[in-house]
Amino acid sequence: MPYMIETVDRPDSVDLRVATRADHLAYLTENADRLIMAGAKWSDDGTVPLGSVIVLDVDTREEAEAFAAGDPFAQAGLFGETRITNWRVAFLDRTNRL
């Protein structure tokens, strides 16, 4: 069952994001078999990272929460907010999945 993990970076946290990015990417790579998609959210001009969106294929909310808590970005205190929501695929990769 997919869960969407949406995060919002704390203000003025770009340096922290940069410093922990390699560990975050390694964590995602280690868990790639559970990822449907993952990526950063950016300001409209593409210069400031604002947070992240991850869609994770796990069986329970608790697994999604554990995944989010294990992210090196979360462990470093990068996020000011994290929302975890059950997610239903309607369109993916320009294809209707309903």
PDB file of N, CA and C in Angstrom:
ATOM      1  N   MET A   1       0.844  -1.167   0.000  1.00  0.00           N
ATOM      2  CA  MET A   1       0.000   0.000   0.000  1.00  0.00           C
ATOM      3  C   MET A   1       0.893   1.235   0.000  1.00  0.00           C
ATOM      4  N   PRO A   2       0.774   2.082  -0.971  1.00  0.00           N
ATOM      5  CA  PRO A   2       1.638   3.260  -1.033  1.00  0.00           C
ATOM      6  C   PRO A   2       1.299   4.303   0.025  1.00  0.00           C
ATOM      7  N   TYR A   3       2.340   4.897   0.565  1.00  0.00           N
ATOM      8  CA  TYR A   3       2.223   6.041   1.458  1.00  0.00           C
ATOM      9  C   TYR A   3       3.088   7.163   0.911  1.00  0.00           C
ATOM     10  N   MET A   4       2.547   8.384   0.957  1.00  0.00           N
ATOM     11  CA  MET A   4       3.299   9.562   0.542  1.00  0.00           C
ATOM     12  C   MET A   4       3.889  10.207   1.793  1.00  0.00           C
ATOM     13  N   ILE A   5       5.175  10.448   1.764  1.00  0.00           N
ATOM     14  CA  ILE A   5       5.860  11.166   2.831  1.00  0.00           C
ATOM     15  C   ILE A   5       6.235  12.524   2.250  1.00  0.00           C
ATOM     16  N   GLU A   6       5.611  13.576   2.778  1.00  0.00           N
ATOM     17  CA  GLU A   6       5.910  14.927   2.304  1.00  0.00           C
ATOM     18  C   GLU A   6       6.550  15.702   3.451  1.00  0.00           C
ATOM     19  N   THR A   7       7.675  16.314   3.166  1.00  0.00           N
ATOM     20  CA  THR A   7       8.389  17.062   4.195  1.00  0.00           C
ATOM     21  C   THR A   7       8.561  18.517   3.773  1.00  0.00           C
ATOM     22  N   VAL A   8       8.734  19.358   4.778  1.00  0.00           N
ATOM     23  CA  VAL A   8       9.021  20.778   4.571  1.00  0.00           C
ATOM     24  C   VAL A   8      10.296  21.086   5.351  1.00  0.00           C
ATOM     25  N   ASP A   9      11.304  21.599   4.653  1.00  0.00           N
ATOM     26  CA  ASP A   9      12.567  21.946   5.304  1.00  0.00           C
ATOM     27  C   ASP A   9      12.365  23.112   6.274  1.00  0.00           C
ATOM     28  N   ARG A  10      13.133  23.097   7.357  1.00  0.00           N
ATOM     29  CA  ARG A  10      13.165  24.240   8.260  1.00  0.00           C
ATOM     30  C   ARG A  10      13.751  25.434   7.512  1.00  0.00           C
ATOM     31  N   PRO A  11      13.340  26.643   7.898  1.00  0.00           N
ATOM     32  CA  PRO A  11      13.923  27.831   7.250  1.00  0.00           C
ATOM     33  C   PRO A  11      15.441  27.861   7.428  1.00  0.00           C
ATOM     34  N   ASP A  12      16.112  28.398   6.451  1.00  0.00           N
ATOM     35  CA  ASP A  12      17.570  28.590   6.511  1.00  0.00           C
ATOM     36  C   ASP A  12      18.326  27.285   6.764  1.00  0.00           C
ATOM     37  N   SER A  13      17.891  26.205   6.119  1.00  0.00           N
ATOM     38  CA  SER A  13      18.508  24.893   6.362  1.00  0.00           C
ATOM     39  C   SER A  13      19.229  24.331   5.143  1.00  0.00           C
ATOM     40  N   VAL A  14      19.505  25.167   4.165  1.00  0.00           N
ATOM     41  CA  VAL A  14      20.155  24.690   2.941  1.00  0.00           C
ATOM     42  C   VAL A  14      21.502  24.042   3.245  1.00  0.00           C
ATOM     43  N   ASP A  15      22.288  24.640   4.115  1.00  0.00           N
ATOM     44  CA  ASP A  15      23.603  24.066   4.437  1.00  0.00           C
ATOM     45  C   ASP A  15      23.469  22.679   5.064  1.00  0.00           C
ATOM     46  N   LEU A  16      22.474  22.495   5.923  1.00  0.00           N
ATOM     47  CA  LEU A  16      22.233  21.188   6.538  1.00  0.00           C
ATOM     48  C   LEU A  16      21.821  20.168   5.488  1.00  0.00           C
ATOM     49  N   ARG A  17      20.979  20.574   4.548  1.00  0.00           N
ATOM     50  CA  ARG A  17      20.567  19.676   3.456  1.00  0.00           C
ATOM     51  C   ARG A  17      21.783  19.250   2.638  1.00  0.00           C
ATOM     52  N   VAL A  18      22.615  20.198   2.287  1.00  0.00           N
ATOM     53  CA  VAL A  18      23.810  19.895   1.497  1.00  0.00           C
ATOM     54  C   VAL A  18      24.737  18.951   2.264  1.00  0.00           C
ATOM     55  N   ALA A  19      24.908  19.189   3.550  1.00  0.00           N
ATOM     56  CA  ALA A  19      25.829  18.392   4.357  1.00  0.00           C
ATOM     57  C   ALA A  19      25.364  16.948   4.543  1.00  0.00           C
ATOM     58  N   THR A  20      24.055  16.714   4.493  1.00  0.00           N
ATOM     59  CA  THR A  20      23.527  15.368   4.744  1.00  0.00           C
ATOM     60  C   THR A  20      22.980  14.695   3.483  1.00  0.00           C
ATOM     61  N   ARG A  21      23.088  15.354   2.345  1.00  0.00           N
ATOM     62  CA  ARG A  21      22.500  14.835   1.105  1.00  0.00           C
ATOM     63  C   ARG A  21      23.074  13.473   0.703  1.00  0.00           C
ATOM     64  N   ALA A  22      24.362  13.272   0.794  1.00  0.00           N
ATOM     65  CA  ALA A  22      24.959  11.992   0.383  1.00  0.00           C
ATOM     66  C   ALA A  22      24.404  10.841   1.224  1.00  0.00           C
ATOM     67  N   ASP A  23      24.274  11.052   2.531  1.00  0.00           N
ATOM     68  CA  ASP A  23      23.711  10.005   3.392  1.00  0.00           C
ATOM     69  C   ASP A  23      22.243   9.746   3.059  1.00  0.00           C
ATOM     70  N   HIS A  24      21.496  10.815   2.782  1.00  0.00           N
ATOM     71  CA  HIS A  24      20.087  10.678   2.388  1.00  0.00           C
ATOM     72  C   HIS A  24      19.967   9.866   1.101  1.00  0.00           C
ATOM     73  N   LEU A  25      20.776  10.193   0.103  1.00  0.00           N
ATOM     74  CA  LEU A  25      20.718   9.456  -1.171  1.00  0.00           C
ATOM     75  C   LEU A  25      21.131   7.999  -0.999  1.00  0.00           C
ATOM     76  N   ALA A  26      22.103   7.742  -0.139  1.00  0.00           N
ATOM     77  CA  ALA A  26      22.495   6.357   0.143  1.00  0.00           C
ATOM     78  C   ALA A  26      21.340   5.599   0.792  1.00  0.00           C
ATOM     79  N   TYR A  27      20.616   6.248   1.706  1.00  0.00           N
ATOM     80  CA  TYR A  27      19.459   5.641   2.365  1.00  0.00           C
ATOM     81  C   TYR A  27      18.386   5.296   1.337  1.00  0.00           C
ATOM     82  N   LEU A  28      18.115   6.224   0.422  1.00  0.00           N
ATOM     83  CA  LEU A  28      17.129   5.951  -0.619  1.00  0.00           C
ATOM     84  C   LEU A  28      17.588   4.787  -1.501  1.00  0.00           C
ATOM     85  N   THR A  29      18.853   4.762  -1.862  1.00  0.00           N
ATOM     86  CA  THR A  29      19.386   3.689  -2.701  1.00  0.00           C
ATOM     87  C   THR A  29      19.262   2.342  -2.005  1.00  0.00           C
ATOM     88  N   GLU A  30      19.563   2.306  -0.708  1.00  0.00           N
ATOM     89  CA  GLU A  30      19.444   1.059   0.057  1.00  0.00           C
ATOM     90  C   GLU A  30      18.008   0.554   0.130  1.00  0.00           C
ATOM     91  N   ASN A  31      17.048   1.460  -0.023  1.00  0.00           N
ATOM     92  CA  ASN A  31      15.631   1.119   0.079  1.00  0.00           C
ATOM     93  C   ASN A  31      14.903   1.260  -1.254  1.00  0.00           C
ATOM     94  N   ALA A  32      15.645   1.239  -2.350  1.00  0.00           N
ATOM     95  CA  ALA A  32      15.064   1.477  -3.668  1.00  0.00           C
ATOM     96  C   ALA A  32      13.952   0.488  -4.020  1.00  0.00           C
ATOM     97  N   ASP A  33      14.014  -0.719  -3.486  1.00  0.00           N
ATOM     98  CA  ASP A  33      12.988  -1.713  -3.796  1.00  0.00           C
ATOM     99  C   ASP A  33      11.624  -1.319  -3.226  1.00  0.00           C
ATOM    100  N   ARG A  34      11.588  -0.362  -2.302  1.00  0.00           N
ATOM    101  CA  ARG A  34      10.319   0.086  -1.721  1.00  0.00           C
ATOM    102  C   ARG A  34       9.870   1.449  -2.247  1.00  0.00           C
ATOM    103  N   LEU A  35      10.688   2.088  -3.080  1.00  0.00           N
ATOM    104  CA  LEU A  35      10.364   3.426  -3.574  1.00  0.00           C
ATOM    105  C   LEU A  35       9.563   3.369  -4.862  1.00  0.00           C
ATOM    106  N   ILE A  36       8.469   4.100  -4.884  1.00  0.00           N
ATOM    107  CA  ILE A  36       7.727   4.316  -6.122  1.00  0.00           C
ATOM    108  C   ILE A  36       8.271   5.560  -6.804  1.00  0.00           C
ATOM    109  N   MET A  37       8.536   6.579  -6.010  1.00  0.00           N
ATOM    110  CA  MET A  37       9.176   7.797  -6.512  1.00  0.00           C
ATOM    111  C   MET A  37       9.715   8.582  -5.333  1.00  0.00           C
ATOM    112  N   ALA A  38      10.680   9.440  -5.611  1.00  0.00           N
ATOM    113  CA  ALA A  38      11.240  10.313  -4.574  1.00  0.00           C
ATOM    114  C   ALA A  38      11.893  11.516  -5.241  1.00  0.00           C
ATOM    115  N   GLY A  39      11.798  12.658  -4.596  1.00  0.00           N
ATOM    116  CA  GLY A  39      12.452  13.840  -5.130  1.00  0.00           C
ATOM    117  C   GLY A  39      12.269  15.035  -4.227  1.00  0.00           C
ATOM    118  N   ALA A  40      13.059  16.060  -4.501  1.00  0.00           N
ATOM    119  CA  ALA A  40      13.014  17.298  -3.721  1.00  0.00           C
ATOM    120  C   ALA A  40      11.980  18.256  -4.291  1.00  0.00           C
ATOM    121  N   LYS A  41      11.447  19.101  -3.408  1.00  0.00           N
ATOM    122  CA  LYS A  41      10.589  20.214  -3.807  1.00  0.00           C
ATOM    123  C   LYS A  41      11.468  21.458  -3.830  1.00  0.00           C
ATOM    124  N   TRP A  42      11.254  22.322  -4.832  1.00  0.00           N
ATOM    125  CA  TRP A  42      12.107  23.503  -5.014  1.00  0.00           C
ATOM    126  C   TRP A  42      11.261  24.759  -5.162  1.00  0.00           C
ATOM    127  N   SER A  43      11.874  25.904  -4.873  1.00  0.00           N
ATOM    128  CA  SER A  43      11.241  27.197  -5.134  1.00  0.00           C
ATOM    129  C   SER A  43      10.967  27.314  -6.630  1.00  0.00           C
ATOM    130  N   ASP A  44      10.043  28.186  -6.993  1.00  0.00           N
ATOM    131  CA  ASP A  44       9.663  28.339  -8.403  1.00  0.00           C
ATOM    132  C   ASP A  44      10.844  28.647  -9.304  1.00  0.00           C
ATOM    133  N   ASP A  45      11.826  29.364  -8.792  1.00  0.00           N
ATOM    134  CA  ASP A  45      12.979  29.695  -9.633  1.00  0.00           C
ATOM    135  C   ASP A  45      14.053  28.596  -9.606  1.00  0.00           C
ATOM    136  N   GLY A  46      13.803  27.523  -8.860  1.00  0.00           N
ATOM    137  CA  GLY A  46      14.709  26.381  -8.852  1.00  0.00           C
ATOM    138  C   GLY A  46      16.000  26.579  -8.089  1.00  0.00           C
ATOM    139  N   THR A  47      16.038  27.562  -7.205  1.00  0.00           N
ATOM    140  CA  THR A  47      17.288  27.846  -6.505  1.00  0.00           C
ATOM    141  C   THR A  47      17.300  27.437  -5.034  1.00  0.00           C
ATOM    142  N   VAL A  48      16.125  27.217  -4.442  1.00  0.00           N
ATOM    143  CA  VAL A  48      16.054  26.925  -3.010  1.00  0.00           C
ATOM    144  C   VAL A  48      15.281  25.626  -2.784  1.00  0.00           C
ATOM    145  N   PRO A  49      15.906  24.612  -2.170  1.00  0.00           N
ATOM    146  CA  PRO A  49      15.173  23.392  -1.843  1.00  0.00           C
ATOM    147  C   PRO A  49      14.195  23.675  -0.698  1.00  0.00           C
ATOM    148  N   LEU A  50      12.993  23.104  -0.808  1.00  0.00           N
ATOM    149  CA  LEU A  50      11.937  23.395   0.157  1.00  0.00           C
ATOM    150  C   LEU A  50      11.528  22.177   0.987  1.00  0.00           C
ATOM    151  N   GLY A  51      11.878  20.995   0.532  1.00  0.00           N
ATOM    152  CA  GLY A  51      11.453  19.774   1.210  1.00  0.00           C
ATOM    153  C   GLY A  51      11.541  18.611   0.253  1.00  0.00           C
ATOM    154  N   SER A  52      10.793  17.557   0.560  1.00  0.00           N
ATOM    155  CA  SER A  52      10.864  16.337  -0.238  1.00  0.00           C
ATOM    156  C   SER A  52       9.495  15.683  -0.358  1.00  0.00           C
ATOM    157  N   VAL A  53       9.349  14.864  -1.382  1.00  0.00           N
ATOM    158  CA  VAL A  53       8.189  13.983  -1.528  1.00  0.00           C
ATOM    159  C   VAL A  53       8.724  12.595  -1.851  1.00  0.00           C
ATOM    160  N   ILE A  54       8.260  11.624  -1.083  1.00  0.00           N
ATOM    161  CA  ILE A  54       8.612  10.230  -1.309  1.00  0.00           C
ATOM    162  C   ILE A  54       7.310   9.440  -1.324  1.00  0.00           C
ATOM    163  N   VAL A  55       7.144   8.589  -2.308  1.00  0.00           N
ATOM    164  CA  VAL A  55       6.026   7.646  -2.301  1.00  0.00           C
ATOM    165  C   VAL A  55       6.632   6.270  -2.125  1.00  0.00           C
ATOM    166  N   LEU A  56       6.222   5.629  -1.053  1.00  0.00           N
ATOM    167  CA  LEU A  56       6.842   4.412  -0.556  1.00  0.00           C
ATOM    168  C   LEU A  56       5.833   3.271  -0.580  1.00  0.00           C
ATOM    169  N   ASP A  57       6.240   2.108  -1.057  1.00  0.00           N
ATOM    170  CA  ASP A  57       5.370   0.939  -1.097  1.00  0.00           C
ATOM    171  C   ASP A  57       5.650   0.065   0.126  1.00  0.00           C
ATOM    172  N   VAL A  58       4.828   0.220   1.151  1.00  0.00           N
ATOM    173  CA  VAL A  58       4.927  -0.565   2.382  1.00  0.00           C
ATOM    174  C   VAL A  58       3.525  -1.016   2.776  1.00  0.00           C
ATOM    175  N   ASP A  59       3.446  -1.936   3.707  1.00  0.00           N
ATOM    176  CA  ASP A  59       2.150  -2.497   4.101  1.00  0.00           C
ATOM    177  C   ASP A  59       1.407  -1.668   5.132  1.00  0.00           C
ATOM    178  N   THR A  60       2.121  -0.930   5.973  1.00  0.00           N
ATOM    179  CA  THR A  60       1.458  -0.232   7.075  1.00  0.00           C
ATOM    180  C   THR A  60       1.988   1.186   7.249  1.00  0.00           C
ATOM    181  N   ARG A  61       1.173   2.002   7.903  1.00  0.00           N
ATOM    182  CA  ARG A  61       1.587   3.361   8.262  1.00  0.00           C
ATOM    183  C   ARG A  61       2.830   3.317   9.148  1.00  0.00           C
ATOM    184  N   GLU A  62       2.884   2.346  10.047  1.00  0.00           N
ATOM    185  CA  GLU A  62       4.021   2.234  10.951  1.00  0.00           C
ATOM    186  C   GLU A  62       5.328   2.038  10.183  1.00  0.00           C
ATOM    187  N   GLU A  63       5.282   1.252   9.105  1.00  0.00           N
ATOM    188  CA  GLU A  63       6.478   1.075   8.270  1.00  0.00           C
ATOM    189  C   GLU A  63       6.870   2.383   7.591  1.00  0.00           C
ATOM    190  N   ALA A  64       5.866   3.135   7.132  1.00  0.00           N
ATOM    191  CA  ALA A  64       6.144   4.436   6.512  1.00  0.00           C
ATOM    192  C   ALA A  64       6.736   5.399   7.534  1.00  0.00           C
ATOM    193  N   GLU A  65       6.191   5.390   8.747  1.00  0.00           N
ATOM    194  CA  GLU A  65       6.712   6.254   9.804  1.00  0.00           C
ATOM    195  C   GLU A  65       8.156   5.887  10.153  1.00  0.00           C
ATOM    196  N   ALA A  66       8.430   4.584  10.232  1.00  0.00           N
ATOM    197  CA  ALA A  66       9.795   4.136  10.538  1.00  0.00           C
ATOM    198  C   ALA A  66      10.759   4.533   9.428  1.00  0.00           C
ATOM    199  N   PHE A  67      10.316   4.408   8.177  1.00  0.00           N
ATOM    200  CA  PHE A  67      11.153   4.816   7.052  1.00  0.00           C
ATOM    201  C   PHE A  67      11.464   6.305   7.147  1.00  0.00           C
ATOM    202  N   ALA A  68      10.434   7.116   7.384  1.00  0.00           N
ATOM    203  CA  ALA A  68      10.621   8.567   7.476  1.00  0.00           C
ATOM    204  C   ALA A  68      11.570   8.917   8.625  1.00  0.00           C
ATOM    205  N   ALA A  69      11.414   8.252   9.755  1.00  0.00           N
ATOM    206  CA  ALA A  69      12.264   8.531  10.912  1.00  0.00           C
ATOM    207  C   ALA A  69      13.704   8.110  10.675  1.00  0.00           C
ATOM    208  N   GLY A  70      13.931   7.098   9.844  1.00  0.00           N
ATOM    209  CA  GLY A  70      15.277   6.613   9.558  1.00  0.00           C
ATOM    210  C   GLY A  70      16.031   7.407   8.521  1.00  0.00           C
ATOM    211  N   ASP A  71      15.347   8.306   7.829  1.00  0.00           N
ATOM    212  CA  ASP A  71      15.984   9.128   6.799  1.00  0.00           C
ATOM    213  C   ASP A  71      17.040  10.022   7.456  1.00  0.00           C
ATOM    214  N   PRO A  72      18.266  10.006   6.940  1.00  0.00           N
ATOM    215  CA  PRO A  72      19.302  10.883   7.508  1.00  0.00           C
ATOM    216  C   PRO A  72      18.916  12.361   7.538  1.00  0.00           C
ATOM    217  N   PHE A  73      18.118  12.826   6.586  1.00  0.00           N
ATOM    218  CA  PHE A  73      17.636  14.206   6.645  1.00  0.00           C
ATOM    219  C   PHE A  73      16.824  14.421   7.921  1.00  0.00           C
ATOM    220  N   ALA A  74      15.914  13.485   8.223  1.00  0.00           N
ATOM    221  CA  ALA A  74      15.090  13.603   9.430  1.00  0.00           C
ATOM    222  C   ALA A  74      15.954  13.514  10.680  1.00  0.00           C
ATOM    223  N   GLN A  75      16.895  12.593  10.686  1.00  0.00           N
ATOM    224  CA  GLN A  75      17.752  12.410  11.857  1.00  0.00           C
ATOM    225  C   GLN A  75      18.628  13.636  12.116  1.00  0.00           C
ATOM    226  N   ALA A  76      18.961  14.365  11.061  1.00  0.00           N
ATOM    227  CA  ALA A  76      19.775  15.576  11.208  1.00  0.00           C
ATOM    228  C   ALA A  76      18.940  16.792  11.614  1.00  0.00           C
ATOM    229  N   GLY A  77      17.611  16.650  11.629  1.00  0.00           N
ATOM    230  CA  GLY A  77      16.743  17.757  12.019  1.00  0.00           C
ATOM    231  C   GLY A  77      16.435  18.726  10.894  1.00  0.00           C
ATOM    232  N   LEU A  78      16.537  18.271   9.649  1.00  0.00           N
ATOM    233  CA  LEU A  78      16.298  19.148   8.501  1.00  0.00           C
ATOM    234  C   LEU A  78      14.842  19.584   8.391  1.00  0.00           C
ATOM    235  N   PHE A  79      13.923  18.710   8.736  1.00  0.00           N
ATOM    236  CA  PHE A  79      12.514  18.973   8.454  1.00  0.00           C
ATOM    237  C   PHE A  79      11.811  19.711   9.589  1.00  0.00           C
ATOM    238  N   GLY A  80      11.038  20.717   9.206  1.00  0.00           N
ATOM    239  CA  GLY A  80      10.175  21.404  10.147  1.00  0.00           C
ATOM    240  C   GLY A  80       8.825  20.737  10.236  1.00  0.00           C
ATOM    241  N   GLU A  81       8.479  19.994   9.195  1.00  0.00           N
ATOM    242  CA  GLU A  81       7.180  19.316   9.147  1.00  0.00           C
ATOM    243  C   GLU A  81       7.300  18.065   8.294  1.00  0.00           C
ATOM    244  N   THR A  82       6.636  17.006   8.726  1.00  0.00           N
ATOM    245  CA  THR A  82       6.547  15.763   7.957  1.00  0.00           C
ATOM    246  C   THR A  82       5.110  15.290   7.996  1.00  0.00           C
ATOM    247  N   ARG A  83       4.537  15.023   6.816  1.00  0.00           N
ATOM    248  CA  ARG A  83       3.179  14.478   6.709  1.00  0.00           C
ATOM    249  C   ARG A  83       3.257  13.136   6.003  1.00  0.00           C
ATOM    250  N   ILE A  84       2.564  12.157   6.556  1.00  0.00           N
ATOM    251  CA  ILE A  84       2.504  10.825   5.954  1.00  0.00           C
ATOM    252  C   ILE A  84       1.043  10.527   5.660  1.00  0.00           C
ATOM    253  N   THR A  85       0.771  10.199   4.383  1.00  0.00           N
ATOM    254  CA  THR A  85      -0.599  10.022   3.924  1.00  0.00           C
ATOM    255  C   THR A  85      -0.700   8.778   3.062  1.00  0.00           C
ATOM    256  N   ASN A  86      -1.736   7.983   3.286  1.00  0.00           N
ATOM    257  CA  ASN A  86      -2.043   6.864   2.403  1.00  0.00           C
ATOM    258  C   ASN A  86      -2.277   7.442   1.009  1.00  0.00           C
ATOM    259  N   TRP A  87      -1.704   6.815  -0.005  1.00  0.00           N
ATOM    260  CA  TRP A  87      -1.726   7.375  -1.357  1.00  0.00           C
ATOM    261  C   TRP A  87      -2.252   6.341  -2.336  1.00  0.00           C
ATOM    262  N   ARG A  88      -3.178   6.739  -3.191  1.00  0.00           N
ATOM    263  CA  ARG A  88      -3.706   5.838  -4.216  1.00  0.00           C
ATOM    264  C   ARG A  88      -3.246   6.324  -5.588  1.00  0.00           C
ATOM    265  N   VAL A  89      -2.675   5.436  -6.338  1.00  0.00           N
ATOM    266  CA  VAL A  89      -2.196   5.754  -7.678  1.00  0.00           C
ATOM    267  C   VAL A  89      -3.391   5.933  -8.605  1.00  0.00           C
ATOM    268  N   ALA A  90      -3.459   7.064  -9.290  1.00  0.00           N
ATOM    269  CA  ALA A  90      -4.443   7.282 -10.341  1.00  0.00           C
ATOM    270  C   ALA A  90      -3.719   7.350 -11.683  1.00  0.00           C
ATOM    271  N   PHE A  91      -2.736   8.234 -11.772  1.00  0.00           N
ATOM    272  CA  PHE A  91      -1.885   8.335 -12.955  1.00  0.00           C
ATOM    273  C   PHE A  91      -0.446   8.244 -12.500  1.00  0.00           C
ATOM    274  N   LEU A  92       0.341   7.496 -13.239  1.00  0.00           N
ATOM    275  CA  LEU A  92       1.762   7.366 -12.945  1.00  0.00           C
ATOM    276  C   LEU A  92       2.495   7.245 -14.271  1.00  0.00           C
ATOM    277  N   ASP A  93       3.519   8.037 -14.430  1.00  0.00           N
ATOM    278  CA  ASP A  93       4.308   8.035 -15.666  1.00  0.00           C
ATOM    279  C   ASP A  93       3.419   8.226 -16.887  1.00  0.00           C
ATOM    280  N   ARG A  94       2.498   9.188 -16.758  1.00  0.00           N
ATOM    281  CA  ARG A  94       1.570   9.582 -17.827  1.00  0.00           C
ATOM    282  C   ARG A  94       0.587   8.483 -18.212  1.00  0.00           C
ATOM    283  N   THR A  95       0.406   7.510 -17.321  1.00  0.00           N
ATOM    284  CA  THR A  95      -0.470   6.384 -17.636  1.00  0.00           C
ATOM    285  C   THR A  95      -1.553   6.272 -16.577  1.00  0.00           C
ATOM    286  N   ASN A  96      -2.811   6.114 -17.014  1.00  0.00           N
ATOM    287  CA  ASN A  96      -3.925   5.902 -16.106  1.00  0.00           C
ATOM    288  C   ASN A  96      -3.785   4.531 -15.477  1.00  0.00           C
ATOM    289  N   ARG A  97      -3.686   4.479 -14.150  1.00  0.00           N
ATOM    290  CA  ARG A  97      -3.505   3.217 -13.430  1.00  0.00           C
ATOM    291  C   ARG A  97      -4.792   2.766 -12.739  1.00  0.00           C
ATOM    292  N   LEU A  98      -5.903   3.468 -12.982  1.00  0.00           N
ATOM    293  CA  LEU A  98      -7.172   3.089 -12.342  1.00  0.00           C
ATOM    294  C   LEU A  98      -7.850   1.949 -13.071  1.00  0.00           C
TER     295      LEU A  98
END
